[in-house]
Amino acid sequence: MALTVVYDADCGVCQASVAWARKRDVRGALEFVPNDVPQLPPGVSLDETEHTIVVLDGGRKFTRGEGVARILRELPRWRPVAAAIRAPVLRHLSNWGYDQFARRRHRISAALGMGTCEIRGHNTDLPTGDPGTPGHPSGTSAPQNR
């Protein structure tokens, strides 16, 4: 039975992470579901997926760093990393690190040229559009909030 991984479809880093994991999932153990589908899996809310990855393994739900560790456990060369992340001290650190990264994922996506995350209901103050267009840092229009 495949793990179900629900991720933020509006996030460039999230999309790149899914592509990375798919490439390494030689056994087909992971099923990826973007959070913009009409019906999310039972027990998963849209609000939840806007700030964390959700991994469903049968009746168990993993989020944040523990969700990442659960995914890595299915990728043969990454099992030692998964084991390290699940260690008691590192589990807390990985969850904290995940939260810090998740809060900044829209800025990180934009900085890496992956597009920005659209955080529903929040203004990210990030440039939009193509270079040379109004609102983009290289454009000639209004100043940007940074």
C-alpha atoms as a PDB file:
ATOM      1  CA  MET A   1       0.000   0.000   0.000  1.00  0.00           C
ATOM      2  CA  ALA A   2       1.438   3.371  -1.031  1.00  0.00           C
ATOM      3  CA  LEU A   3       1.832   6.264   1.366  1.00  0.00           C
ATOM      4  CA  THR A   4      -0.330   9.253   0.469  1.00  0.00           C
ATOM      5  CA  VAL A   5       1.591  12.531   0.510  1.00  0.00           C
ATOM      6  CA  VAL A   6      -0.525  15.707   0.423  1.00  0.00           C
ATOM      7  CA  TYR A   7       1.443  18.847  -0.405  1.00  0.00           C
ATOM      8  CA  ASP A   8       0.934  22.556  -1.133  1.00  0.00           C
ATOM      9  CA  ALA A   9       0.397  22.749  -4.908  1.00  0.00           C
ATOM     10  CA  ASP A  10       1.050  26.523  -4.959  1.00  0.00           C
ATOM     11  CA  CYS A  11       4.580  26.153  -3.595  1.00  0.00           C
ATOM     12  CA  GLY A  12       7.543  25.941  -5.954  1.00  0.00           C
ATOM     13  CA  VAL A  13       9.812  24.324  -3.362  1.00  0.00           C
ATOM     14  CA  CYS A  14       7.057  21.832  -2.520  1.00  0.00           C
ATOM     15  CA  GLN A  15       6.630  20.937  -6.201  1.00  0.00           C
ATOM     16  CA  ALA A  16      10.397  20.514  -6.608  1.00  0.00           C
ATOM     17  CA  SER A  17      10.494  18.315  -3.485  1.00  0.00           C
ATOM     18  CA  VAL A  18       7.745  16.109  -4.909  1.00  0.00           C
ATOM     19  CA  ALA A  19       9.666  15.791  -8.195  1.00  0.00           C
ATOM     20  CA  TRP A  20      12.837  14.897  -6.242  1.00  0.00           C
ATOM     21  CA  ALA A  21      11.037  12.191  -4.233  1.00  0.00           C
ATOM     22  CA  ARG A  22       9.217  10.787  -7.282  1.00  0.00           C
ATOM     23  CA  LYS A  23      12.531  10.347  -9.065  1.00  0.00           C
ATOM     24  CA  ARG A  24      13.909   8.334  -6.124  1.00  0.00           C
ATOM     25  CA  ASP A  25      10.742   6.329  -5.436  1.00  0.00           C
ATOM     26  CA  VAL A  26      11.783   3.304  -7.490  1.00  0.00           C
ATOM     27  CA  ARG A  27       9.326   1.016  -5.668  1.00  0.00           C
ATOM     28  CA  GLY A  28       6.269   3.215  -6.228  1.00  0.00           C
ATOM     29  CA  ALA A  29       5.691   3.543  -2.491  1.00  0.00           C
ATOM     30  CA  LEU A  30       4.529   7.174  -2.621  1.00  0.00           C
ATOM     31  CA  GLU A  31       1.329   8.636  -4.026  1.00  0.00           C
ATOM     32  CA  PHE A  32       1.409  12.436  -4.263  1.00  0.00           C
ATOM     33  CA  VAL A  33      -1.782  14.482  -3.985  1.00  0.00           C
ATOM     34  CA  PRO A  34      -1.697  18.265  -4.492  1.00  0.00           C
ATOM     35  CA  ASN A  35      -3.868  20.219  -2.075  1.00  0.00           C
ATOM     36  CA  ASP A  36      -5.789  21.835  -4.944  1.00  0.00           C
ATOM     37  CA  VAL A  37      -7.748  18.677  -5.825  1.00  0.00           C
ATOM     38  CA  PRO A  38     -11.532  18.886  -5.346  1.00  0.00           C
ATOM     39  CA  GLN A  39     -11.523  16.246  -2.578  1.00  0.00           C
ATOM     40  CA  LEU A  40      -8.621  15.854  -0.132  1.00  0.00           C
ATOM     41  CA  PRO A  41      -8.127  12.471   1.539  1.00  0.00           C
ATOM     42  CA  PRO A  42     -10.233  11.884   4.678  1.00  0.00           C
ATOM     43  CA  GLY A  43      -8.711  13.471   7.761  1.00  0.00           C
ATOM     44  CA  VAL A  44      -6.746  16.114   5.807  1.00  0.00           C
ATOM     45  CA  SER A  45      -7.869  19.761   5.717  1.00  0.00           C
ATOM     46  CA  LEU A  46      -6.861  22.419   3.210  1.00  0.00           C
ATOM     47  CA  ASP A  47      -5.812  24.695   6.079  1.00  0.00           C
ATOM     48  CA  GLU A  48      -3.464  22.029   7.396  1.00  0.00           C
ATOM     49  CA  THR A  49      -1.807  21.524   3.993  1.00  0.00           C
ATOM     50  CA  GLU A  50      -1.084  25.231   3.660  1.00  0.00           C
ATOM     51  CA  HIS A  51       1.551  25.030   6.401  1.00  0.00           C
ATOM     52  CA  THR A  52       2.724  21.406   6.459  1.00  0.00           C
ATOM     53  CA  ILE A  53       3.103  18.318   4.361  1.00  0.00           C
ATOM     54  CA  VAL A  54       0.714  15.539   5.361  1.00  0.00           C
ATOM     55  CA  VAL A  55       1.740  11.898   4.987  1.00  0.00           C
ATOM     56  CA  LEU A  56      -0.899   9.215   5.452  1.00  0.00           C
ATOM     57  CA  ASP A  57       0.270   5.691   6.184  1.00  0.00           C
ATOM     58  CA  GLY A  58      -2.791   3.524   6.647  1.00  0.00           C
ATOM     59  CA  GLY A  59      -4.453   4.937   9.750  1.00  0.00           C
ATOM     60  CA  ARG A  60      -1.457   7.038  10.816  1.00  0.00           C
ATOM     61  CA  LYS A  61      -0.832  10.695   9.928  1.00  0.00           C
ATOM     62  CA  PHE A  62       2.628  12.300   9.881  1.00  0.00           C
ATOM     63  CA  THR A  63       3.303  16.015   9.466  1.00  0.00           C
ATOM     64  CA  ARG A  64       6.240  18.428   9.464  1.00  0.00           C
ATOM     65  CA  GLY A  65       9.660  16.851  10.037  1.00  0.00           C
ATOM     66  CA  GLU A  66       8.117  13.505  10.922  1.00  0.00           C
ATOM     67  CA  GLY A  67       6.297  13.527   7.569  1.00  0.00           C
ATOM     68  CA  VAL A  68       9.567  14.166   5.767  1.00  0.00           C
ATOM     69  CA  ALA A  69      11.199  11.324   7.711  1.00  0.00           C
ATOM     70  CA  ARG A  70       8.349   8.992   6.778  1.00  0.00           C
ATOM     71  CA  ILE A  71       8.825   9.801   3.077  1.00  0.00           C
ATOM     72  CA  LEU A  72      12.600   9.348   3.291  1.00  0.00           C
ATOM     73  CA  ARG A  73      12.117   5.953   4.952  1.00  0.00           C
ATOM     74  CA  GLU A  74      10.577   4.734   1.677  1.00  0.00           C
ATOM     75  CA  LEU A  75      13.571   5.890  -0.387  1.00  0.00           C
ATOM     76  CA  PRO A  76      16.319   3.235  -0.062  1.00  0.00           C
ATOM     77  CA  ARG A  77      19.400   5.462   0.078  1.00  0.00           C
ATOM     78  CA  TRP A  78      17.689   7.922   2.406  1.00  0.00           C
ATOM     79  CA  ARG A  79      16.640   5.512   5.167  1.00  0.00           C
ATOM     80  CA  PRO A  80      19.610   6.442   7.427  1.00  0.00           C
ATOM     81  CA  VAL A  81      18.602  10.113   7.186  1.00  0.00           C
ATOM     82  CA  ALA A  82      15.013   9.177   8.055  1.00  0.00           C
ATOM     83  CA  ALA A  83      16.238   7.242  11.099  1.00  0.00           C
ATOM     84  CA  ALA A  84      18.318  10.207  12.261  1.00  0.00           C
ATOM     85  CA  ILE A  85      15.396  12.622  11.879  1.00  0.00           C
ATOM     86  CA  ARG A  86      13.224  10.324  14.013  1.00  0.00           C
ATOM     87  CA  ALA A  87      15.742  10.260  16.892  1.00  0.00           C
ATOM     88  CA  PRO A  88      14.232  12.057  19.916  1.00  0.00           C
ATOM     89  CA  VAL A  89      16.471  15.140  19.956  1.00  0.00           C
ATOM     90  CA  LEU A  90      16.573  15.514  16.197  1.00  0.00           C
ATOM     91  CA  ARG A  91      12.809  14.973  15.890  1.00  0.00           C
ATOM     92  CA  HIS A  92      12.175  18.193  17.797  1.00  0.00           C
ATOM     93  CA  LEU A  93      14.862  20.009  15.845  1.00  0.00           C
ATOM     94  CA  SER A  94      13.546  18.756  12.495  1.00  0.00           C
ATOM     95  CA  ASN A  95      10.001  19.874  13.344  1.00  0.00           C
ATOM     96  CA  TRP A  96      11.295  23.298  14.400  1.00  0.00           C
ATOM     97  CA  GLY A  97      13.385  23.544  11.207  1.00  0.00           C
ATOM     98  CA  TYR A  98      10.431  22.444   9.094  1.00  0.00           C
ATOM     99  CA  ASP A  99       8.250  25.151  10.646  1.00  0.00           C
ATOM    100  CA  GLN A 100      10.894  27.818  10.038  1.00  0.00           C
ATOM    101  CA  PHE A 101      11.302  26.755   6.411  1.00  0.00           C
ATOM    102  CA  ALA A 102       7.539  26.434   5.827  1.00  0.00           C
ATOM    103  CA  ARG A 103       6.951  30.013   7.004  1.00  0.00           C
ATOM    104  CA  ARG A 104       9.483  31.244   4.449  1.00  0.00           C
ATOM    105  CA  ARG A 105       8.787  28.821   1.603  1.00  0.00           C
ATOM    106  CA  HIS A 106       7.195  31.472  -0.615  1.00  0.00           C
ATOM    107  CA  ARG A 107      10.265  33.701  -0.352  1.00  0.00           C
ATOM    108  CA  ILE A 108      12.617  30.751  -0.864  1.00  0.00           C
ATOM    109  CA  SER A 109      10.639  29.595  -3.925  1.00  0.00           C
ATOM    110  CA  ALA A 110      10.851  33.084  -5.432  1.00  0.00           C
ATOM    111  CA  ALA A 111      14.563  33.430  -4.638  1.00  0.00           C
ATOM    112  CA  LEU A 112      15.239  30.108  -6.365  1.00  0.00           C
ATOM    113  CA  GLY A 113      13.201  31.128  -9.397  1.00  0.00           C
ATOM    114  CA  MET A 114      10.531  28.517  -8.693  1.00  0.00           C
ATOM    115  CA  GLY A 115       7.655  30.960  -8.520  1.00  0.00           C
ATOM    116  CA  THR A 116       6.010  32.134  -5.366  1.00  0.00           C
ATOM    117  CA  CYS A 117       3.681  30.350  -3.061  1.00  0.00           C
ATOM    118  CA  GLU A 118       0.266  31.877  -2.883  1.00  0.00           C
ATOM    119  CA  ILE A 119      -0.603  31.889   0.786  1.00  0.00           C
ATOM    120  CA  ARG A 120      -4.388  32.197   0.698  1.00  0.00           C
ATOM    121  CA  GLY A 121      -5.485  35.344   2.464  1.00  0.00           C
ATOM    122  CA  HIS A 122      -1.963  36.690   3.023  1.00  0.00           C
ATOM    123  CA  ASN A 123      -0.017  39.346   1.127  1.00  0.00           C
ATOM    124  CA  THR A 124       3.509  38.092   0.670  1.00  0.00           C
ATOM    125  CA  ASP A 125       4.906  41.405  -0.614  1.00  0.00           C
ATOM    126  CA  LEU A 126       6.826  39.499  -3.265  1.00  0.00           C
ATOM    127  CA  PRO A 127       7.226  40.627  -6.853  1.00  0.00           C
ATOM    128  CA  THR A 128       4.971  39.082  -9.436  1.00  0.00           C
ATOM    129  CA  GLY A 129       5.111  38.949 -13.197  1.00  0.00           C
ATOM    130  CA  ASP A 130       8.026  38.724 -15.550  1.00  0.00           C
ATOM    131  CA  PRO A 131      11.158  40.877 -15.348  1.00  0.00           C
ATOM    132  CA  GLY A 132      10.571  44.241 -16.956  1.00  0.00           C
ATOM    133  CA  THR A 133       6.888  44.341 -16.037  1.00  0.00           C
ATOM    134  CA  PRO A 134       5.296  46.634 -13.457  1.00  0.00           C
ATOM    135  CA  GLY A 135       5.609  45.190  -9.982  1.00  0.00           C
ATOM    136  CA  HIS A 136       8.778  43.196 -10.693  1.00  0.00           C
ATOM    137  CA  PRO A 137      12.047  44.469  -9.144  1.00  0.00           C
ATOM    138  CA  SER A 138      13.603  44.957 -12.568  1.00  0.00           C
ATOM    139  CA  GLY A 139      10.553  46.860 -13.836  1.00  0.00           C
ATOM    140  CA  THR A 140      10.240  50.623 -13.722  1.00  0.00           C
ATOM    141  CA  SER A 141       6.995  50.963 -11.812  1.00  0.00           C
ATOM    142  CA  ALA A 142       6.111  51.513  -8.184  1.00  0.00           C
ATOM    143  CA  PRO A 143       8.661  50.773  -5.461  1.00  0.00           C
ATOM    144  CA  GLN A 144       8.547  47.350  -3.841  1.00  0.00           C
ATOM    145  CA  ASN A 145       7.859  46.640  -0.176  1.00  0.00           C
ATOM    146  CA  ARG A 146      10.643  44.444   1.162  1.00  0.00           C
END
